[in-house]
Protein backbone atom coordinates (compact mmCIF):
# COMPACT_ATOMS: atom_id res chain seq x y z
CA MET A 1 -24.22 -18.84 -14.40
CA GLU A 2 -26.67 -15.92 -14.11
CA PHE A 3 -26.33 -12.80 -16.27
CA GLN A 4 -28.38 -9.66 -16.88
CA ASN A 5 -27.33 -8.66 -20.40
CA ILE A 6 -26.51 -11.98 -22.03
CA LEU A 7 -28.08 -15.42 -22.23
CA LEU A 8 -26.06 -18.63 -22.20
CA ASP A 9 -27.77 -21.92 -22.94
CA GLU A 10 -26.97 -25.41 -24.21
CA LEU A 11 -29.13 -25.99 -27.27
CA GLU A 12 -28.10 -29.61 -27.74
CA THR A 13 -25.40 -31.82 -26.26
CA GLY A 14 -22.12 -29.93 -26.67
CA ILE A 15 -23.68 -27.05 -28.64
CA TYR A 16 -23.96 -23.79 -26.69
CA ARG A 17 -25.44 -20.44 -27.63
CA LEU A 18 -24.41 -17.05 -26.22
CA THR A 19 -26.95 -14.31 -26.93
CA ILE A 20 -26.33 -10.60 -26.42
CA ASN A 21 -29.64 -9.73 -24.79
CA ARG A 22 -30.35 -6.00 -24.88
CA PRO A 23 -32.86 -5.87 -27.75
CA LYS A 24 -34.37 -2.52 -26.70
CA ALA A 25 -30.88 -1.00 -27.09
CA TYR A 26 -30.20 -2.96 -30.31
CA ASN A 27 -27.89 -5.13 -28.18
CA ALA A 28 -25.41 -2.28 -27.76
CA LEU A 29 -22.29 -3.25 -25.84
CA ASN A 30 -21.96 -1.47 -22.51
CA SER A 31 -19.39 -2.18 -19.84
CA GLN A 32 -21.52 -4.76 -18.06
CA THR A 33 -22.26 -6.66 -21.26
CA LEU A 34 -18.56 -6.83 -22.09
CA ASP A 35 -17.79 -8.06 -18.58
CA GLU A 36 -20.51 -10.73 -18.75
CA THR A 37 -19.31 -11.88 -22.18
CA HIS A 38 -15.80 -12.24 -20.77
CA GLN A 39 -17.12 -14.21 -17.78
CA ALA A 40 -19.13 -16.50 -20.05
CA ALA A 41 -16.09 -17.19 -22.24
CA LYS A 42 -13.97 -18.07 -19.21
CA TYR A 43 -16.71 -20.38 -17.93
CA LEU A 44 -17.05 -22.16 -21.28
CA ALA A 45 -13.28 -22.55 -21.49
CA SER A 46 -13.38 -24.45 -18.20
CA LEU A 47 -15.77 -27.07 -19.58
CA ASN A 48 -14.58 -30.12 -21.48
CA THR A 49 -18.04 -30.80 -22.90
CA VAL A 50 -18.38 -27.83 -25.27
CA ARG A 51 -18.02 -28.70 -28.95
CA VAL A 52 -19.29 -25.50 -30.63
CA LEU A 53 -20.45 -22.04 -29.52
CA LEU A 54 -22.97 -20.02 -31.53
CA LEU A 55 -22.94 -16.29 -30.75
CA THR A 56 -25.93 -14.15 -31.73
CA GLY A 57 -28.08 -11.17 -30.75
CA ALA A 58 -31.57 -11.05 -29.28
CA GLY A 59 -34.50 -9.78 -31.32
CA GLU A 60 -35.06 -9.44 -35.05
CA LYS A 61 -33.31 -6.16 -35.85
CA ALA A 62 -29.77 -6.34 -34.55
CA PHE A 63 -26.90 -8.69 -33.89
CA VAL A 64 -25.11 -5.85 -32.09
CA ALA A 65 -25.53 -2.28 -33.29
CA GLY A 66 -22.26 -1.14 -31.72
CA ALA A 67 -20.85 0.01 -28.41
CA ASP A 68 -23.20 1.87 -26.08
CA ILE A 69 -22.76 5.51 -27.08
CA LYS A 70 -24.92 6.79 -24.21
CA GLU A 71 -22.58 5.15 -21.71
CA MET A 72 -19.29 6.22 -23.27
CA GLN A 73 -20.24 9.73 -24.44
CA SER A 74 -18.88 11.42 -21.30
CA TYR A 75 -15.79 9.23 -20.80
CA SER A 76 -12.45 10.82 -20.08
CA ALA A 77 -9.46 9.63 -22.10
CA LEU A 78 -8.45 7.20 -19.35
CA GLU A 79 -12.00 5.87 -18.98
CA ALA A 80 -12.20 5.37 -22.75
CA MET A 81 -8.94 3.41 -22.72
CA HIS A 82 -10.28 1.22 -19.92
CA PHE A 83 -13.49 0.59 -21.86
CA SER A 84 -11.49 -0.28 -24.97
CA GLN A 85 -9.33 -2.70 -22.99
CA GLN A 86 -12.44 -4.28 -21.53
CA GLY A 87 -13.69 -5.00 -25.04
CA MET A 88 -10.28 -6.20 -26.19
CA ASP A 89 -10.08 -8.63 -23.26
CA ALA A 90 -13.61 -9.94 -23.74
CA PHE A 91 -13.15 -10.53 -27.46
CA ALA A 92 -9.70 -12.07 -27.00
CA SER A 93 -11.24 -14.54 -24.54
CA LEU A 94 -13.77 -15.57 -27.19
CA GLU A 95 -11.07 -15.83 -29.84
CA ALA A 96 -8.96 -18.03 -27.55
CA LEU A 97 -11.71 -20.58 -26.86
CA PRO A 98 -10.40 -24.02 -27.88
CA PHE A 99 -13.51 -25.01 -29.84
CA PRO A 100 -15.12 -23.35 -32.90
CA VAL A 101 -17.05 -20.14 -32.23
CA ILE A 102 -19.49 -19.08 -34.96
CA ALA A 103 -21.04 -15.62 -35.16
CA VAL A 104 -24.69 -15.94 -36.21
CA VAL A 105 -25.38 -12.41 -37.41
CA ASN A 106 -29.13 -11.91 -37.52
CA GLY A 107 -29.28 -8.19 -38.29
CA ILE A 108 -27.37 -4.92 -37.88
CA CYS A 109 -23.69 -5.60 -37.14
CA LEU A 110 -21.85 -2.32 -36.75
CA GLY A 111 -18.89 -0.95 -34.83
CA GLY A 112 -18.41 -3.04 -31.70
CA GLY A 113 -20.84 -5.57 -33.13
CA CYS A 114 -18.71 -6.10 -36.20
CA GLU A 115 -15.65 -6.34 -33.97
CA LEU A 116 -17.44 -8.95 -31.84
CA ALA A 117 -18.39 -10.98 -34.92
CA MET A 118 -14.82 -10.84 -36.23
CA SER A 119 -13.48 -12.24 -32.95
CA CYS A 120 -15.40 -15.42 -33.74
CA ASP A 121 -13.92 -18.07 -36.02
CA TRP A 122 -16.29 -17.29 -38.87
CA ILE A 123 -19.55 -15.52 -39.60
CA MET A 124 -22.89 -16.85 -40.85
CA ALA A 125 -25.28 -14.02 -41.65
CA ALA A 126 -28.88 -13.30 -42.49
CA ASP A 127 -29.44 -11.88 -45.96
CA THR A 128 -30.73 -8.73 -44.22
CA ALA A 129 -27.54 -8.19 -42.17
CA GLN A 130 -25.42 -5.07 -42.57
CA PHE A 131 -21.79 -4.65 -41.57
CA GLY A 132 -19.55 -1.69 -40.97
CA GLN A 133 -17.14 0.22 -38.75
CA PRO A 134 -18.75 3.68 -38.61
CA GLU A 135 -16.72 5.03 -35.69
CA VAL A 136 -15.30 7.91 -37.77
CA ASN A 137 -18.86 9.31 -37.86
CA LEU A 138 -18.52 9.78 -34.10
CA GLY A 139 -15.04 11.28 -34.26
CA VAL A 140 -13.29 8.22 -32.86
CA THR A 141 -11.45 5.12 -34.04
CA PRO A 142 -12.61 1.54 -33.51
CA GLY A 143 -11.71 0.43 -30.00
CA PHE A 144 -12.26 -3.32 -29.86
CA GLY A 145 -9.84 -4.52 -32.55
CA GLY A 146 -11.67 -3.39 -35.68
CA THR A 147 -8.69 -1.84 -37.45
CA GLN A 148 -6.68 -5.02 -36.96
CA ARG A 149 -9.11 -7.91 -37.43
CA LEU A 150 -10.87 -6.34 -40.40
CA THR A 151 -7.55 -5.78 -42.18
CA ARG A 152 -6.52 -9.38 -41.58
CA LEU A 153 -9.86 -10.70 -42.82
CA ILE A 154 -10.49 -8.70 -46.00
CA GLY A 155 -7.15 -7.04 -46.79
CA ARG A 156 -5.68 -3.60 -46.21
CA ALA A 157 -7.33 -1.67 -49.05
CA ARG A 158 -10.89 -2.84 -48.49
CA ALA A 159 -10.58 -2.58 -44.73
CA LEU A 160 -9.22 0.97 -44.87
CA GLU A 161 -12.00 2.00 -47.26
CA LEU A 162 -14.66 0.86 -44.80
CA LEU A 163 -12.84 2.20 -41.76
CA VAL A 164 -12.28 5.75 -43.00
CA SER A 165 -15.54 6.16 -44.91
CA GLY A 166 -17.83 4.61 -42.31
CA ARG A 167 -19.66 2.94 -45.18
CA GLN A 168 -21.96 0.03 -44.38
CA ILE A 169 -22.08 -3.04 -46.59
CA LYS A 170 -24.89 -5.53 -47.03
CA ALA A 171 -24.57 -9.25 -46.48
CA GLN A 172 -23.88 -10.13 -50.12
CA GLU A 173 -20.99 -7.67 -50.38
CA ALA A 174 -19.63 -8.93 -47.05
CA LEU A 175 -19.76 -12.44 -48.51
CA ASP A 176 -18.03 -11.34 -51.71
CA TRP A 177 -15.28 -9.64 -49.70
CA GLY A 178 -14.63 -12.65 -47.47
CA LEU A 179 -15.94 -11.13 -44.24
CA VAL A 180 -18.83 -13.61 -44.14
CA ASN A 181 -18.73 -17.34 -44.92
CA HIS A 182 -22.44 -17.94 -45.65
CA ILE A 183 -25.69 -15.99 -45.93
CA TYR A 184 -29.22 -17.34 -45.48
CA PRO A 185 -32.75 -15.97 -45.22
CA ARG A 186 -33.12 -14.61 -41.69
CA GLU A 187 -35.80 -17.11 -40.70
CA GLN A 188 -33.52 -20.01 -41.68
CA LEU A 189 -30.28 -18.66 -40.22
CA MET A 190 -30.25 -20.28 -36.77
CA GLU A 191 -31.26 -23.69 -38.11
CA GLU A 192 -28.49 -23.51 -40.70
CA ALA A 193 -26.05 -22.56 -37.95
CA LEU A 194 -27.25 -25.52 -35.92
CA LYS A 195 -26.67 -27.83 -38.89
CA THR A 196 -23.07 -26.65 -39.06
CA ALA A 197 -22.66 -27.00 -35.30
CA ARG A 198 -24.07 -30.54 -35.36
CA LEU A 199 -21.67 -31.51 -38.13
CA ILE A 200 -18.69 -30.25 -36.11
CA ALA A 201 -19.97 -31.83 -32.88
CA GLN A 202 -19.88 -35.27 -34.54
CA LYS A 203 -16.16 -35.03 -35.25
CA GLY A 204 -13.29 -36.02 -32.98
CA PRO A 205 -13.31 -33.23 -30.35
CA ILE A 206 -9.59 -33.42 -29.60
CA ALA A 207 -8.80 -33.28 -33.30
CA VAL A 208 -11.10 -30.27 -33.74
CA ARG A 209 -9.43 -28.44 -30.85
CA LEU A 210 -5.93 -29.25 -32.08
CA THR A 211 -6.85 -28.09 -35.59
CA LYS A 212 -8.16 -24.73 -34.35
CA GLN A 213 -5.02 -24.32 -32.26
CA LEU A 214 -2.82 -25.04 -35.29
CA VAL A 215 -4.59 -22.46 -37.44
CA GLN A 216 -4.39 -19.80 -34.72
CA ASN A 217 -0.80 -20.42 -33.68
CA GLY A 218 0.58 -21.10 -37.15
CA GLN A 219 -0.78 -18.13 -39.07
CA ASN A 220 1.90 -15.74 -37.82
CA LEU A 221 4.81 -18.19 -38.17
CA ASP A 222 6.89 -18.94 -41.21
CA LEU A 223 5.80 -22.04 -43.11
CA GLU A 224 8.57 -24.30 -41.84
CA LYS A 225 7.84 -23.60 -38.17
CA ALA A 226 4.09 -23.79 -38.69
CA CYS A 227 4.39 -27.18 -40.38
CA LEU A 228 6.52 -28.40 -37.48
CA LEU A 229 3.64 -27.52 -35.16
CA GLU A 230 1.35 -29.58 -37.37
CA THR A 231 3.69 -32.59 -37.29
CA GLN A 232 3.76 -32.46 -33.50
CA ALA A 233 -0.03 -32.18 -33.23
CA PHE A 234 -0.51 -35.04 -35.69
CA GLY A 235 1.71 -37.26 -33.56
CA LEU A 236 -0.03 -36.16 -30.37
CA ALA A 237 -3.40 -37.18 -31.81
CA PHE A 238 -2.15 -40.76 -32.05
CA SER A 239 -1.87 -40.89 -28.26
CA THR A 240 -5.65 -40.52 -27.88
CA TYR A 241 -8.54 -42.95 -27.60
CA ASP A 242 -10.38 -40.92 -30.24
CA GLN A 243 -7.72 -41.68 -32.88
CA LYS A 244 -8.01 -45.42 -32.23
CA GLU A 245 -11.80 -45.26 -32.27
CA GLY A 246 -12.00 -43.03 -35.34
CA MET A 247 -9.77 -45.20 -37.49
CA GLN A 248 -11.33 -48.45 -36.28
CA ALA A 249 -14.79 -47.08 -37.03
CA PHE A 250 -13.65 -46.11 -40.53
CA ILE A 251 -12.35 -49.64 -41.18
CA GLU A 252 -15.56 -51.16 -39.80
CA LYS A 253 -17.74 -48.72 -41.79
CA ARG A 254 -19.62 -47.40 -38.77
CA ALA A 255 -20.02 -44.08 -36.99
CA ALA A 256 -17.25 -43.32 -34.53
CA GLN A 257 -18.10 -42.91 -30.84
CA PHE A 258 -15.67 -40.25 -29.70
CA LYS A 259 -15.01 -39.61 -26.00
CA ALA A 260 -12.66 -36.61 -26.04
CA GLN A 261 -9.98 -38.89 -24.59
């Protein structure tokens, strides 16, 4: 697929990278970028060969600095709601992808950028990264899910502090608060992300997809119903070639050759 504001490439077999590619605008999210991100997510969802997606920003300064203020400055209320829904839909399509999606945050990650990163399954960040939801400085609320995902990730009190103060936090504080899983020197970040992606890509792909589905679908259920989902998925896994191969390989002390079957 051809895009103007994003790049989509396969780095290695099964490992894809989506790059927000507007470095001169600090990768700010305009309407076209949101639309292209949504299209890319739908395309990746149609493939059975994807094992992991890494999502990052072009250049050395920013992951995504936020939504494009120049574009939305003159919006009417209805236009603003449409723009918000566009972002919600794009990020929901990333969140719904059946394989792990890792945000590789290489720099400034504010507003819509932070919301984009939070729609991924987890965040790996450069030690120079900064996070925040500074929308109150502009007289508006977050519009792409920031009030909801941030609260679910770091808790109500910490989320509300950041949301109403507009305060930015550095990578170490984001790690301490549970927003970020790992931090690395910026020059090592992508290689560390690739190491994680390679590790996941070696595992049984059906099992990985089922596991992500269980975590997503079970988190809002009571424990009894969520565990029932897990029992059903566990049984379903035993209908696959990959289960037979994985267990036989373990017994024979060799690497499993999974086929996503």
